[in-house]
């Protein structure tokens, strides 16, 4: 059990989390207190989220628009790297609207847009073309984890024209459902920026600690196979208990013994000091190219 608040835990988990995941990071009394104060919201009996979506929906209704981009991603239940500083709202071009309380996006409603939120497909493409690469990759990874089809996403991105088209195609091609959470997605995005050729959750065979002479398959968070480099999104808040911590330590040692370089980064480093992480990864990339 950690000492993070429910709001901090949900932020680390992408803004939405199951009851069991939240219980693993916070005490039950603090969760109940946060629910009572409105700091977090219970969506269903087993799902919690931050209240950003409710506030955003009220503003979208006031402007007679729809939630879009990052706010729509939250409304669809997708985990995001960081909640938006203010809601994203799509307003039809024929309307005259202005508000300092939202990020306004001008455009027309599409046939598959429903109610006060842009469709899943449109939301994914809008995030890919409008958000910085790092944030966009986190959103698209999450969209794929929640059932969006990758081939459809790539096709939709290739149909984009004008500003943001190249960015949309790039991030759609790199997106994967294999990343477990925005923490891992962000670390992979930083590795891409640093010039590494990385993939998420690559299978690697290592000696089995419980079976001398045998092997076991491990799936590190981010892997550059050519450089034999493993990047781990590794924070104590994400360990469920002693057994998971023991497994992580065994995996780290087994990989190093097999000749892999293993770099471990905390959530705080990745989310709040990304340029330092990129600098570290660039140094590793340059060393491998020497």
C-alpha atoms as a PDB file:
ATOM      1  CA  UNK A   1       0.000   0.000   0.000  1.00  0.00           C
ATOM      2  CA  UNK A   2       1.383   3.417  -0.891  1.00  0.00           C
ATOM      3  CA  UNK A   3       0.760   6.866   0.524  1.00  0.00           C
ATOM      4  CA  UNK A   4      -0.467   8.541  -2.673  1.00  0.00           C
ATOM      5  CA  UNK A   5      -3.892  10.178  -2.692  1.00  0.00           C
ATOM      6  CA  UNK A   6      -6.693   8.841  -4.939  1.00  0.00           C
ATOM      7  CA  UNK A   7      -6.303  11.877  -7.202  1.00  0.00           C
ATOM      8  CA  UNK A   8      -2.557  11.270  -7.515  1.00  0.00           C
ATOM      9  CA  UNK A   9      -3.134   7.577  -8.134  1.00  0.00           C
ATOM     10  CA  UNK A  10      -5.722   8.195 -10.853  1.00  0.00           C
ATOM     11  CA  UNK A  11      -3.447  10.772 -12.476  1.00  0.00           C
ATOM     12  CA  UNK A  12      -0.608   8.232 -12.555  1.00  0.00           C
ATOM     13  CA  UNK A  13      -2.949   5.608 -13.993  1.00  0.00           C
ATOM     14  CA  UNK A  14      -4.144   7.845 -16.834  1.00  0.00           C
ATOM     15  CA  UNK A  15      -7.272   9.350 -15.272  1.00  0.00           C
ATOM     16  CA  UNK A  16      -9.316   6.158 -15.078  1.00  0.00           C
ATOM     17  CA  UNK A  17      -8.791   2.916 -13.151  1.00  0.00           C
ATOM     18  CA  UNK A  18     -10.505  -0.166 -11.843  1.00  0.00           C
ATOM     19  CA  UNK A  19     -11.447  -0.460  -8.182  1.00  0.00           C
ATOM     20  CA  UNK A  20      -8.846  -3.185  -7.619  1.00  0.00           C
ATOM     21  CA  UNK A  21      -6.080  -1.049  -9.154  1.00  0.00           C
ATOM     22  CA  UNK A  22      -7.012   1.965  -7.036  1.00  0.00           C
ATOM     23  CA  UNK A  23      -7.309  -0.213  -3.916  1.00  0.00           C
ATOM     24  CA  UNK A  24      -3.749  -1.340  -4.559  1.00  0.00           C
ATOM     25  CA  UNK A  25      -2.437   2.222  -4.378  1.00  0.00           C
ATOM     26  CA  UNK A  26      -4.683   3.923  -1.794  1.00  0.00           C
ATOM     27  CA  UNK A  27      -6.492   3.080   1.414  1.00  0.00           C
ATOM     28  CA  UNK A  28     -10.242   2.544   1.312  1.00  0.00           C
ATOM     29  CA  UNK A  29     -10.992   5.489   3.699  1.00  0.00           C
ATOM     30  CA  UNK A  30      -9.064   7.929   1.470  1.00  0.00           C
ATOM     31  CA  UNK A  31     -10.942   6.664  -1.599  1.00  0.00           C
ATOM     32  CA  UNK A  32     -14.307   7.127   0.126  1.00  0.00           C
ATOM     33  CA  UNK A  33     -13.290  10.603   1.279  1.00  0.00           C
ATOM     34  CA  UNK A  34     -12.240  11.588  -2.249  1.00  0.00           C
ATOM     35  CA  UNK A  35     -15.574  10.327  -3.597  1.00  0.00           C
ATOM     36  CA  UNK A  36     -17.463  12.308  -0.984  1.00  0.00           C
ATOM     37  CA  UNK A  37     -15.616  15.540  -1.801  1.00  0.00           C
ATOM     38  CA  UNK A  38     -16.013  15.083  -5.569  1.00  0.00           C
ATOM     39  CA  UNK A  39     -12.264  14.821  -6.169  1.00  0.00           C
ATOM     40  CA  UNK A  40     -12.856  11.519  -7.952  1.00  0.00           C
ATOM     41  CA  UNK A  41     -15.960   9.980  -9.530  1.00  0.00           C
ATOM     42  CA  UNK A  42     -17.313   6.410  -9.452  1.00  0.00           C
ATOM     43  CA  UNK A  43     -18.376   5.565 -13.025  1.00  0.00           C
ATOM     44  CA  UNK A  44     -19.531   2.035 -12.235  1.00  0.00           C
ATOM     45  CA  UNK A  45     -19.219  -0.201  -9.202  1.00  0.00           C
ATOM     46  CA  UNK A  46     -15.707  -1.197 -10.271  1.00  0.00           C
ATOM     47  CA  UNK A  47     -14.469   1.861 -12.207  1.00  0.00           C
ATOM     48  CA  UNK A  48     -13.278   5.278 -11.051  1.00  0.00           C
ATOM     49  CA  UNK A  49     -12.090   8.386 -12.869  1.00  0.00           C
ATOM     50  CA  UNK A  50     -11.161  12.013 -12.356  1.00  0.00           C
ATOM     51  CA  UNK A  51     -14.053  14.515 -12.647  1.00  0.00           C
ATOM     52  CA  UNK A  52     -12.613  16.322 -15.702  1.00  0.00           C
ATOM     53  CA  UNK A  53     -15.178  14.805 -18.071  1.00  0.00           C
ATOM     54  CA  UNK A  54     -18.191  16.076 -16.112  1.00  0.00           C
ATOM     55  CA  UNK A  55     -16.877  19.640 -16.064  1.00  0.00           C
ATOM     56  CA  UNK A  56     -15.954  19.447 -19.744  1.00  0.00           C
ATOM     57  CA  UNK A  57     -19.424  18.186 -20.723  1.00  0.00           C
ATOM     58  CA  UNK A  58     -21.079  21.123 -18.982  1.00  0.00           C
ATOM     59  CA  UNK A  59     -18.904  23.591 -20.897  1.00  0.00           C
ATOM     60  CA  UNK A  60     -19.506  21.786 -24.200  1.00  0.00           C
ATOM     61  CA  UNK A  61     -23.270  21.984 -23.630  1.00  0.00           C
ATOM     62  CA  UNK A  62     -23.020  25.707 -22.858  1.00  0.00           C
ATOM     63  CA  UNK A  63     -21.181  26.286 -26.147  1.00  0.00           C
ATOM     64  CA  UNK A  64     -23.511  23.931 -28.066  1.00  0.00           C
ATOM     65  CA  UNK A  65     -20.483  21.920 -29.102  1.00  0.00           C
ATOM     66  CA  UNK A  66     -18.995  18.470 -28.566  1.00  0.00           C
ATOM     67  CA  UNK A  67     -16.084  17.239 -26.512  1.00  0.00           C
ATOM     68  CA  UNK A  68     -13.111  16.688 -28.805  1.00  0.00           C
ATOM     69  CA  UNK A  69      -9.454  15.670 -28.838  1.00  0.00           C
ATOM     70  CA  UNK A  70      -8.108  14.951 -25.315  1.00  0.00           C
ATOM     71  CA  UNK A  71     -11.427  15.623 -23.551  1.00  0.00           C
ATOM     72  CA  UNK A  72     -13.215  13.226 -25.892  1.00  0.00           C
ATOM     73  CA  UNK A  73     -10.510  10.629 -25.248  1.00  0.00           C
ATOM     74  CA  UNK A  74     -11.235  10.907 -21.532  1.00  0.00           C
ATOM     75  CA  UNK A  75     -14.979  10.636 -22.173  1.00  0.00           C
ATOM     76  CA  UNK A  76     -14.381   7.395 -24.094  1.00  0.00           C
ATOM     77  CA  UNK A  77     -12.585   5.999 -21.040  1.00  0.00           C
ATOM     78  CA  UNK A  78      -9.112   6.088 -22.579  1.00  0.00           C
ATOM     79  CA  UNK A  79      -6.143   6.652 -20.294  1.00  0.00           C
ATOM     80  CA  UNK A  80      -4.133   9.818 -21.034  1.00  0.00           C
ATOM     81  CA  UNK A  81      -0.645  10.909 -20.020  1.00  0.00           C
ATOM     82  CA  UNK A  82      -1.815  14.138 -18.399  1.00  0.00           C
ATOM     83  CA  UNK A  83      -5.332  15.572 -18.073  1.00  0.00           C
ATOM     84  CA  UNK A  84      -5.911  18.651 -20.273  1.00  0.00           C
ATOM     85  CA  UNK A  85      -5.381  22.058 -18.698  1.00  0.00           C
ATOM     86  CA  UNK A  86      -8.862  22.961 -19.967  1.00  0.00           C
ATOM     87  CA  UNK A  87     -11.519  21.108 -21.997  1.00  0.00           C
ATOM     88  CA  UNK A  88     -11.317  20.610 -25.764  1.00  0.00           C
ATOM     89  CA  UNK A  89     -14.604  21.477 -27.490  1.00  0.00           C
ATOM     90  CA  UNK A  90     -15.554  21.105 -31.156  1.00  0.00           C
ATOM     91  CA  UNK A  91     -17.811  23.885 -32.448  1.00  0.00           C
ATOM     92  CA  UNK A  92     -19.346  24.048 -35.924  1.00  0.00           C
ATOM     93  CA  UNK A  93     -17.745  26.590 -38.224  1.00  0.00           C
ATOM     94  CA  UNK A  94     -21.058  28.371 -38.814  1.00  0.00           C
ATOM     95  CA  UNK A  95     -21.327  29.333 -35.161  1.00  0.00           C
ATOM     96  CA  UNK A  96     -19.706  32.290 -33.461  1.00  0.00           C
ATOM     97  CA  UNK A  97     -18.260  31.064 -30.197  1.00  0.00           C
ATOM     98  CA  UNK A  98     -15.415  32.124 -27.975  1.00  0.00           C
ATOM     99  CA  UNK A  99     -14.312  31.121 -24.517  1.00  0.00           C
ATOM    100  CA  UNK A 100     -11.073  31.339 -22.617  1.00  0.00           C
ATOM    101  CA  UNK A 101     -12.221  28.341 -20.579  1.00  0.00           C
ATOM    102  CA  UNK A 102     -11.755  25.807 -23.398  1.00  0.00           C
ATOM    103  CA  UNK A 103      -9.562  24.846 -26.323  1.00  0.00           C
ATOM    104  CA  UNK A 104     -11.879  25.503 -29.282  1.00  0.00           C
ATOM    105  CA  UNK A 105     -11.711  23.255 -32.339  1.00  0.00           C
ATOM    106  CA  UNK A 106     -13.647  24.334 -35.406  1.00  0.00           C
ATOM    107  CA  UNK A 107     -15.249  21.709 -37.607  1.00  0.00           C
ATOM    108  CA  UNK A 108     -18.426  19.999 -38.749  1.00  0.00           C
ATOM    109  CA  UNK A 109     -20.161  17.129 -37.008  1.00  0.00           C
ATOM    110  CA  UNK A 110     -19.817  13.775 -38.755  1.00  0.00           C
ATOM    111  CA  UNK A 111     -22.429  11.070 -39.212  1.00  0.00           C
ATOM    112  CA  UNK A 112     -20.879   8.832 -36.552  1.00  0.00           C
ATOM    113  CA  UNK A 113     -20.514  11.638 -33.974  1.00  0.00           C
ATOM    114  CA  UNK A 114     -23.070  11.094 -31.262  1.00  0.00           C
ATOM    115  CA  UNK A 115     -24.338  13.391 -28.540  1.00  0.00           C
ATOM    116  CA  UNK A 116     -21.787  15.610 -26.843  1.00  0.00           C
ATOM    117  CA  UNK A 117     -18.645  13.638 -27.744  1.00  0.00           C
ATOM    118  CA  UNK A 118     -16.877  13.089 -31.076  1.00  0.00           C
ATOM    119  CA  UNK A 119     -16.741   9.462 -32.211  1.00  0.00           C
ATOM    120  CA  UNK A 120     -13.944   7.122 -31.184  1.00  0.00           C
ATOM    121  CA  UNK A 121     -12.426   7.109 -34.665  1.00  0.00           C
ATOM    122  CA  UNK A 122     -12.587  10.864 -35.045  1.00  0.00           C
ATOM    123  CA  UNK A 123     -11.229  11.398 -31.535  1.00  0.00           C
ATOM    124  CA  UNK A 124      -8.215   9.190 -32.221  1.00  0.00           C
ATOM    125  CA  UNK A 125      -7.366  10.990 -35.466  1.00  0.00           C
ATOM    126  CA  UNK A 126      -7.910  14.424 -33.933  1.00  0.00           C
ATOM    127  CA  UNK A 127      -5.533  13.534 -31.102  1.00  0.00           C
ATOM    128  CA  UNK A 128      -2.983  12.195 -33.581  1.00  0.00           C
ATOM    129  CA  UNK A 129      -2.968  15.374 -35.649  1.00  0.00           C
ATOM    130  CA  UNK A 130      -3.371  18.016 -32.923  1.00  0.00           C
ATOM    131  CA  UNK A 131      -1.491  16.804 -29.846  1.00  0.00           C
ATOM    132  CA  UNK A 132       2.286  16.688 -29.346  1.00  0.00           C
ATOM    133  CA  UNK A 133       3.742  13.335 -30.412  1.00  0.00           C
ATOM    134  CA  UNK A 134       4.284  12.115 -26.855  1.00  0.00           C
ATOM    135  CA  UNK A 135       0.713  12.772 -25.708  1.00  0.00           C
ATOM    136  CA  UNK A 136      -0.771  11.520 -28.965  1.00  0.00           C
ATOM    137  CA  UNK A 137       1.022   8.176 -28.730  1.00  0.00           C
ATOM    138  CA  UNK A 138      -0.286   7.677 -25.189  1.00  0.00           C
ATOM    139  CA  UNK A 139      -3.854   8.332 -26.337  1.00  0.00           C
ATOM    140  CA  UNK A 140      -3.658   6.115 -29.417  1.00  0.00           C
ATOM    141  CA  UNK A 141      -2.072   3.234 -27.506  1.00  0.00           C
ATOM    142  CA  UNK A 142      -4.960   3.497 -25.056  1.00  0.00           C
ATOM    143  CA  UNK A 143      -7.539   3.671 -27.851  1.00  0.00           C
ATOM    144  CA  UNK A 144      -6.172   0.413 -29.261  1.00  0.00           C
ATOM    145  CA  UNK A 145      -6.204  -1.226 -25.817  1.00  0.00           C
ATOM    146  CA  UNK A 146      -9.877  -0.295 -25.582  1.00  0.00           C
ATOM    147  CA  UNK A 147     -10.818  -1.944 -28.855  1.00  0.00           C
ATOM    148  CA  UNK A 148     -10.105   0.508 -31.680  1.00  0.00           C
ATOM    149  CA  UNK A 149      -8.852  -1.384 -34.731  1.00  0.00           C
ATOM    150  CA  UNK A 150      -5.270  -0.552 -35.727  1.00  0.00           C
ATOM    151  CA  UNK A 151      -5.796  -0.987 -39.469  1.00  0.00           C
ATOM    152  CA  UNK A 152      -8.774   1.357 -39.329  1.00  0.00           C
ATOM    153  CA  UNK A 153      -6.757   3.873 -37.318  1.00  0.00           C
ATOM    154  CA  UNK A 154      -3.905   3.832 -39.847  1.00  0.00           C
ATOM    155  CA  UNK A 155      -6.344   4.176 -42.759  1.00  0.00           C
ATOM    156  CA  UNK A 156      -8.113   7.103 -41.068  1.00  0.00           C
ATOM    157  CA  UNK A 157      -4.764   8.789 -40.403  1.00  0.00           C
ATOM    158  CA  UNK A 158      -3.742   8.407 -44.059  1.00  0.00           C
ATOM    159  CA  UNK A 159      -7.011  10.071 -45.085  1.00  0.00           C
ATOM    160  CA  UNK A 160      -6.087  13.240 -43.173  1.00  0.00           C
ATOM    161  CA  UNK A 161      -5.185  16.202 -45.351  1.00  0.00           C
ATOM    162  CA  UNK A 162      -3.577  19.496 -44.462  1.00  0.00           C
ATOM    163  CA  UNK A 163      -2.023  20.539 -41.185  1.00  0.00           C
ATOM    164  CA  UNK A 164      -1.134  17.635 -38.929  1.00  0.00           C
ATOM    165  CA  UNK A 165      -1.450  14.960 -41.620  1.00  0.00           C
ATOM    166  CA  UNK A 166       2.164  13.792 -41.403  1.00  0.00           C
ATOM    167  CA  UNK A 167       2.035  13.742 -37.611  1.00  0.00           C
ATOM    168  CA  UNK A 168      -1.181  11.717 -37.659  1.00  0.00           C
ATOM    169  CA  UNK A 169       0.292   9.089 -39.984  1.00  0.00           C
ATOM    170  CA  UNK A 170       3.469   8.807 -37.915  1.00  0.00           C
ATOM    171  CA  UNK A 171       1.815   8.290 -34.557  1.00  0.00           C
ATOM    172  CA  UNK A 172      -0.850   5.943 -35.945  1.00  0.00           C
ATOM    173  CA  UNK A 173       1.849   3.703 -37.417  1.00  0.00           C
ATOM    174  CA  UNK A 174       3.701   3.526 -34.087  1.00  0.00           C
ATOM    175  CA  UNK A 175       0.655   3.014 -31.866  1.00  0.00           C
ATOM    176  CA  UNK A 176       0.126  -0.388 -30.254  1.00  0.00           C
ATOM    177  CA  UNK A 177      -2.232  -2.026 -27.794  1.00  0.00           C
ATOM    178  CA  UNK A 178       0.741  -3.819 -26.213  1.00  0.00           C
ATOM    179  CA  UNK A 179       1.690  -0.833 -24.021  1.00  0.00           C
ATOM    180  CA  UNK A 180       0.084  -1.408 -20.624  1.00  0.00           C
ATOM    181  CA  UNK A 181      -0.495   2.226 -19.630  1.00  0.00           C
ATOM    182  CA  UNK A 182       0.403   5.852 -20.455  1.00  0.00           C
ATOM    183  CA  UNK A 183       3.591   5.545 -18.378  1.00  0.00           C
ATOM    184  CA  UNK A 184       4.940   2.873 -20.732  1.00  0.00           C
ATOM    185  CA  UNK A 185       3.629   4.717 -23.798  1.00  0.00           C
ATOM    186  CA  UNK A 186       5.360   7.935 -22.777  1.00  0.00           C
ATOM    187  CA  UNK A 187       8.652   6.143 -22.144  1.00  0.00           C
ATOM    188  CA  UNK A 188       8.424   4.569 -25.609  1.00  0.00           C
ATOM    189  CA  UNK A 189       7.661   7.965 -27.162  1.00  0.00           C
ATOM    190  CA  UNK A 190      10.743   9.464 -25.520  1.00  0.00           C
ATOM    191  CA  UNK A 191      12.830   6.552 -26.786  1.00  0.00           C
ATOM    192  CA  UNK A 192      11.580   7.162 -30.336  1.00  0.00           C
ATOM    193  CA  UNK A 193      12.509  10.838 -30.013  1.00  0.00           C
ATOM    194  CA  UNK A 194      15.972   9.780 -28.845  1.00  0.00           C
ATOM    195  CA  UNK A 195      16.509   7.782 -32.034  1.00  0.00           C
ATOM    196  CA  UNK A 196      16.006   4.283 -30.662  1.00  0.00           C
ATOM    197  CA  UNK A 197      14.198   1.542 -32.596  1.00  0.00           C
ATOM    198  CA  UNK A 198      11.863   0.353 -29.882  1.00  0.00           C
ATOM    199  CA  UNK A 199       8.821  -1.836 -29.477  1.00  0.00           C
ATOM    200  CA  UNK A 200       6.527  -2.494 -26.560  1.00  0.00           C
ATOM    201  CA  UNK A 201       6.399  -5.750 -24.599  1.00  0.00           C
ATOM    202  CA  UNK A 202       8.880  -7.741 -26.701  1.00  0.00           C
ATOM    203  CA  UNK A 203       9.315 -11.391 -25.697  1.00  0.00           C
ATOM    204  CA  UNK A 204      12.837 -12.335 -24.518  1.00  0.00           C
ATOM    205  CA  UNK A 205      14.054 -15.747 -23.331  1.00  0.00           C
ATOM    206  CA  UNK A 206      16.136 -15.787 -20.123  1.00  0.00           C
ATOM    207  CA  UNK A 207      17.298 -18.550 -17.744  1.00  0.00           C
ATOM    208  CA  UNK A 208      14.551 -19.714 -15.382  1.00  0.00           C
ATOM    209  CA  UNK A 209      15.401 -19.163 -11.719  1.00  0.00           C
ATOM    210  CA  UNK A 210      13.033 -21.982 -10.697  1.00  0.00           C
ATOM    211  CA  UNK A 211      14.245 -24.523 -13.259  1.00  0.00           C
ATOM    212  CA  UNK A 212      18.033 -24.887 -13.642  1.00  0.00           C
ATOM    213  CA  UNK A 213      18.867 -25.310 -17.317  1.00  0.00           C
ATOM    214  CA  UNK A 214      15.413 -24.148 -18.380  1.00  0.00           C
ATOM    215  CA  UNK A 215      14.260 -20.831 -19.774  1.00  0.00           C
ATOM    216  CA  UNK A 216      11.432 -18.431 -19.162  1.00  0.00           C
ATOM    217  CA  UNK A 217       9.889 -15.779 -21.417  1.00  0.00           C
ATOM    218  CA  UNK A 218       9.829 -12.214 -20.111  1.00  0.00           C
ATOM    219  CA  UNK A 219       8.167  -9.175 -21.674  1.00  0.00           C
ATOM    220  CA  UNK A 220       9.992  -5.951 -20.730  1.00  0.00           C
ATOM    221  CA  UNK A 221       8.119  -2.682 -21.146  1.00  0.00           C
ATOM    222  CA  UNK A 222      10.163  -1.198 -24.012  1.00  0.00           C
ATOM    223  CA  UNK A 223      12.848  -2.975 -26.042  1.00  0.00           C
ATOM    224  CA  UNK A 224      15.415  -2.049 -28.694  1.00  0.00           C
ATOM    225  CA  UNK A 225      16.384  -5.561 -29.767  1.00  0.00           C
ATOM    226  CA  UNK A 226      19.242  -4.542 -32.087  1.00  0.00           C
ATOM    227  CA  UNK A 227      20.981  -2.621 -29.288  1.00  0.00           C
ATOM    228  CA  UNK A 228      20.031  -5.271 -26.701  1.00  0.00           C
ATOM    229  CA  UNK A 229      18.514  -2.470 -24.678  1.00  0.00           C
ATOM    230  CA  UNK A 230      15.592  -2.783 -22.256  1.00  0.00           C
ATOM    231  CA  UNK A 231      13.728   0.200 -20.786  1.00  0.00           C
ATOM    232  CA  UNK A 232      11.558  -0.395 -17.754  1.00  0.00           C
ATOM    233  CA  UNK A 233       8.764   1.894 -16.556  1.00  0.00           C
ATOM    234  CA  UNK A 234       9.493   1.151 -12.940  1.00  0.00           C
ATOM    235  CA  UNK A 235       7.821   2.908 -10.004  1.00  0.00           C
ATOM    236  CA  UNK A 236       7.219   1.465  -6.567  1.00  0.00           C
ATOM    237  CA  UNK A 237       3.610   2.676  -6.723  1.00  0.00           C
ATOM    238  CA  UNK A 238       2.955   0.155  -9.517  1.00  0.00           C
ATOM    239  CA  UNK A 239       4.126  -2.876  -7.544  1.00  0.00           C
ATOM    240  CA  UNK A 240       1.188  -4.872  -6.214  1.00  0.00           C
ATOM    241  CA  UNK A 241       3.296  -6.411  -3.456  1.00  0.00           C
ATOM    242  CA  UNK A 242       6.400  -8.309  -2.438  1.00  0.00           C
ATOM    243  CA  UNK A 243       5.966 -11.074  -5.029  1.00  0.00           C
ATOM    244  CA  UNK A 244       5.755  -8.654  -7.964  1.00  0.00           C
ATOM    245  CA  UNK A 245       8.776  -6.740  -6.653  1.00  0.00           C
ATOM    246  CA  UNK A 246      10.757  -9.997  -6.378  1.00  0.00           C
ATOM    247  CA  UNK A 247       9.815 -10.917  -9.947  1.00  0.00           C
ATOM    248  CA  UNK A 248      10.942  -7.543 -11.265  1.00  0.00           C
ATOM    249  CA  UNK A 249      14.298  -7.848  -9.496  1.00  0.00           C
ATOM    250  CA  UNK A 250      14.812 -11.360 -10.870  1.00  0.00           C
ATOM    251  CA  UNK A 251      13.935 -10.220 -14.390  1.00  0.00           C
ATOM    252  CA  UNK A 252      16.353  -7.288 -14.184  1.00  0.00           C
ATOM    253  CA  UNK A 253      19.238  -9.507 -13.072  1.00  0.00           C
ATOM    254  CA  UNK A 254      18.454 -12.239 -15.611  1.00  0.00           C
ATOM    255  CA  UNK A 255      18.455  -9.743 -18.487  1.00  0.00           C
ATOM    256  CA  UNK A 256      21.762  -8.171 -17.412  1.00  0.00           C
ATOM    257  CA  UNK A 257      23.400 -11.591 -17.081  1.00  0.00           C
ATOM    258  CA  UNK A 258      22.252 -12.374 -20.640  1.00  0.00           C
ATOM    259  CA  UNK A 259      23.995  -9.234 -21.952  1.00  0.00           C
ATOM    260  CA  UNK A 260      21.111  -6.780 -22.051  1.00  0.00           C
ATOM    261  CA  UNK A 261      21.481  -3.199 -20.894  1.00  0.00           C
ATOM    262  CA  UNK A 262      18.543  -2.382 -18.616  1.00  0.00           C
ATOM    263  CA  UNK A 263      17.578   1.221 -17.839  1.00  0.00           C
ATOM    264  CA  UNK A 264      14.850   1.853 -15.269  1.00  0.00           C
ATOM    265  CA  UNK A 265      12.848   5.082 -15.099  1.00  0.00           C
ATOM    266  CA  UNK A 266      10.246   6.200 -12.578  1.00  0.00           C
ATOM    267  CA  UNK A 267       6.871   7.690 -13.427  1.00  0.00           C
ATOM    268  CA  UNK A 268       7.983  11.044 -12.014  1.00  0.00           C
ATOM    269  CA  UNK A 269      11.099  11.110 -14.192  1.00  0.00           C
ATOM    270  CA  UNK A 270       9.220  10.197 -17.368  1.00  0.00           C
ATOM    271  CA  UNK A 271       6.290  12.547 -16.822  1.00  0.00           C
ATOM    272  CA  UNK A 272       8.011  15.502 -15.159  1.00  0.00           C
ATOM    273  CA  UNK A 273      11.606  15.322 -16.410  1.00  0.00           C
ATOM    274  CA  UNK A 274      11.198  13.948 -19.941  1.00  0.00           C
ATOM    275  CA  UNK A 275      14.091  15.938 -21.408  1.00  0.00           C
ATOM    276  CA  UNK A 276      16.479  14.322 -18.931  1.00  0.00           C
ATOM    277  CA  UNK A 277      15.137  10.905 -19.945  1.00  0.00           C
ATOM    278  CA  UNK A 278      15.599  11.758 -23.640  1.00  0.00           C
ATOM    279  CA  UNK A 279      19.162  12.939 -22.965  1.00  0.00           C
ATOM    280  CA  UNK A 280      19.959   9.637 -21.237  1.00  0.00           C
ATOM    281  CA  UNK A 281      18.487   7.634 -24.088  1.00  0.00           C
ATOM    282  CA  UNK A 282      20.289   9.679 -26.736  1.00  0.00           C
ATOM    283  CA  UNK A 283      23.570   9.012 -24.960  1.00  0.00           C
ATOM    284  CA  UNK A 284      22.826   5.292 -25.108  1.00  0.00           C
ATOM    285  CA  UNK A 285      21.835   5.532 -28.783  1.00  0.00           C
ATOM    286  CA  UNK A 286      25.059   7.369 -29.656  1.00  0.00           C
ATOM    287  CA  UNK A 287      27.148   4.892 -27.691  1.00  0.00           C
ATOM    288  CA  UNK A 288      25.578   2.058 -29.643  1.00  0.00           C
ATOM    289  CA  UNK A 289      26.291   3.788 -32.952  1.00  0.00           C
ATOM    290  CA  UNK A 290      29.955   4.412 -32.128  1.00  0.00           C
END
